[in-house]
Amino acid sequence: FQELTKHECYFINGTEKVWFVERYIHNREQLAMFDSDVGRFVGDTPYGEKVAQYINSQTDFMEETRTAVDWYCRHNYEVF
C-alpha cells in the first residue's frame, strides 16, 4: 500500500499570485485535494468525497490549511 500527501505551491509573478494545493493519494489514486482558491477539500472518488467532508468539518485544521498560502508558500518562496 502507498499513502502519500503532497503539498504544492504555485507562484505567478513572484509572490503576487500564490496558491496552495494539498493532495491525499492512496495507491496512486488521488482521493481528495485542497486548493486555496476553492478554500476547502474536494473529493475525487466516492470514498474521497467522504474523506473531504470529514476534513472540511474539522474547523481548526481547515483554518490552518487555509492560511498555508502565507505561512508555507510565501514564507518559503526564496527556498522554492
Protein backbone atom coordinates (compact mmCIF):
# COMPACT_ATOMS: atom_id res chain seq x y z
CA PHE A 1 0.00 0.00 0.00
CA GLN A 2 1.08 3.55 -0.62
CA GLU A 3 -0.16 6.59 1.30
CA LEU A 4 1.02 9.98 0.14
CA THR A 5 0.26 13.59 0.97
CA LYS A 6 1.65 16.21 -1.42
CA HIS A 7 1.95 19.90 -0.65
CA GLU A 8 2.45 22.19 -3.63
CA CYS A 9 2.86 25.93 -4.03
CA TYR A 10 2.27 27.74 -7.30
CA PHE A 11 3.61 31.24 -7.92
CA ILE A 12 2.75 33.75 -10.63
CA ASN A 13 4.73 36.98 -10.91
CA GLY A 14 6.77 36.37 -7.76
CA THR A 15 4.50 36.34 -4.74
CA GLU A 16 1.80 38.46 -6.36
CA LYS A 17 -0.44 35.45 -7.10
CA VAL A 18 0.18 32.40 -4.90
CA TRP A 19 -1.94 29.35 -4.31
CA PHE A 20 -1.51 26.23 -2.20
CA VAL A 21 -2.60 22.71 -3.16
CA GLU A 22 -2.62 19.68 -0.84
CA ARG A 23 -3.34 16.24 -2.26
CA TYR A 24 -4.18 12.97 -0.49
CA ILE A 25 -3.21 9.94 -2.58
CA HIS A 26 -3.76 6.24 -1.87
CA ASN A 27 -2.19 3.60 -4.14
CA ARG A 28 -1.51 6.18 -6.88
CA GLU A 29 -5.14 7.35 -6.89
CA GLN A 30 -5.94 10.85 -5.71
CA LEU A 31 -8.70 10.69 -3.12
CA ALA A 32 -9.10 14.35 -2.20
CA MET A 33 -7.39 17.68 -2.66
CA PHE A 34 -7.38 21.14 -1.14
CA ASP A 35 -6.97 24.17 -3.39
CA SER A 36 -6.56 27.51 -1.65
CA ASP A 37 -8.54 29.21 -4.44
CA VAL A 38 -11.52 26.95 -3.60
CA GLY A 39 -10.91 27.09 0.17
CA ARG A 40 -11.97 23.53 1.00
CA PHE A 41 -11.19 19.90 0.28
CA VAL A 42 -12.88 18.28 -2.72
CA GLY A 43 -13.16 14.51 -3.19
CA ASP A 44 -12.16 12.83 -6.45
CA THR A 45 -13.66 9.41 -5.66
CA PRO A 46 -16.74 8.33 -3.69
CA TYR A 47 -14.54 7.49 -0.69
CA GLY A 48 -12.57 10.70 -1.24
CA GLU A 49 -15.80 12.70 -1.01
CA LYS A 50 -16.41 11.22 2.46
CA VAL A 51 -12.82 12.00 3.47
CA ALA A 52 -13.16 15.57 2.17
CA GLN A 53 -16.45 16.05 4.00
CA TYR A 54 -14.87 14.87 7.26
CA ILE A 55 -11.77 17.06 6.85
CA ASN A 56 -13.87 20.10 5.95
CA SER A 57 -15.79 19.66 9.22
CA GLN A 58 -12.55 19.99 11.26
CA THR A 59 -12.61 23.77 11.78
CA ASP A 60 -9.17 24.14 13.43
CA PHE A 61 -7.43 22.08 10.75
CA MET A 62 -9.23 23.92 7.96
CA GLU A 63 -8.29 27.32 9.40
CA GLU A 64 -4.62 26.28 9.44
CA THR A 65 -4.82 24.83 5.93
CA ARG A 66 -6.46 27.97 4.51
CA THR A 67 -3.61 30.11 5.84
CA ALA A 68 -0.88 27.85 4.35
CA VAL A 69 -0.50 30.27 1.44
CA ASP A 70 1.16 32.70 3.84
CA TRP A 71 3.00 30.52 6.38
CA TYR A 72 4.09 27.79 3.96
CA CYS A 73 4.26 29.17 0.41
CA ARG A 74 5.15 32.85 0.79
CA HIS A 75 7.42 32.14 3.75
CA ASN A 76 9.44 29.62 1.70
CA TYR A 77 9.31 31.46 -1.63
CA GLU A 78 13.06 32.05 -1.87
CA VAL A 79 13.77 28.40 -0.95
CA PHE A 80 11.48 27.06 -3.70
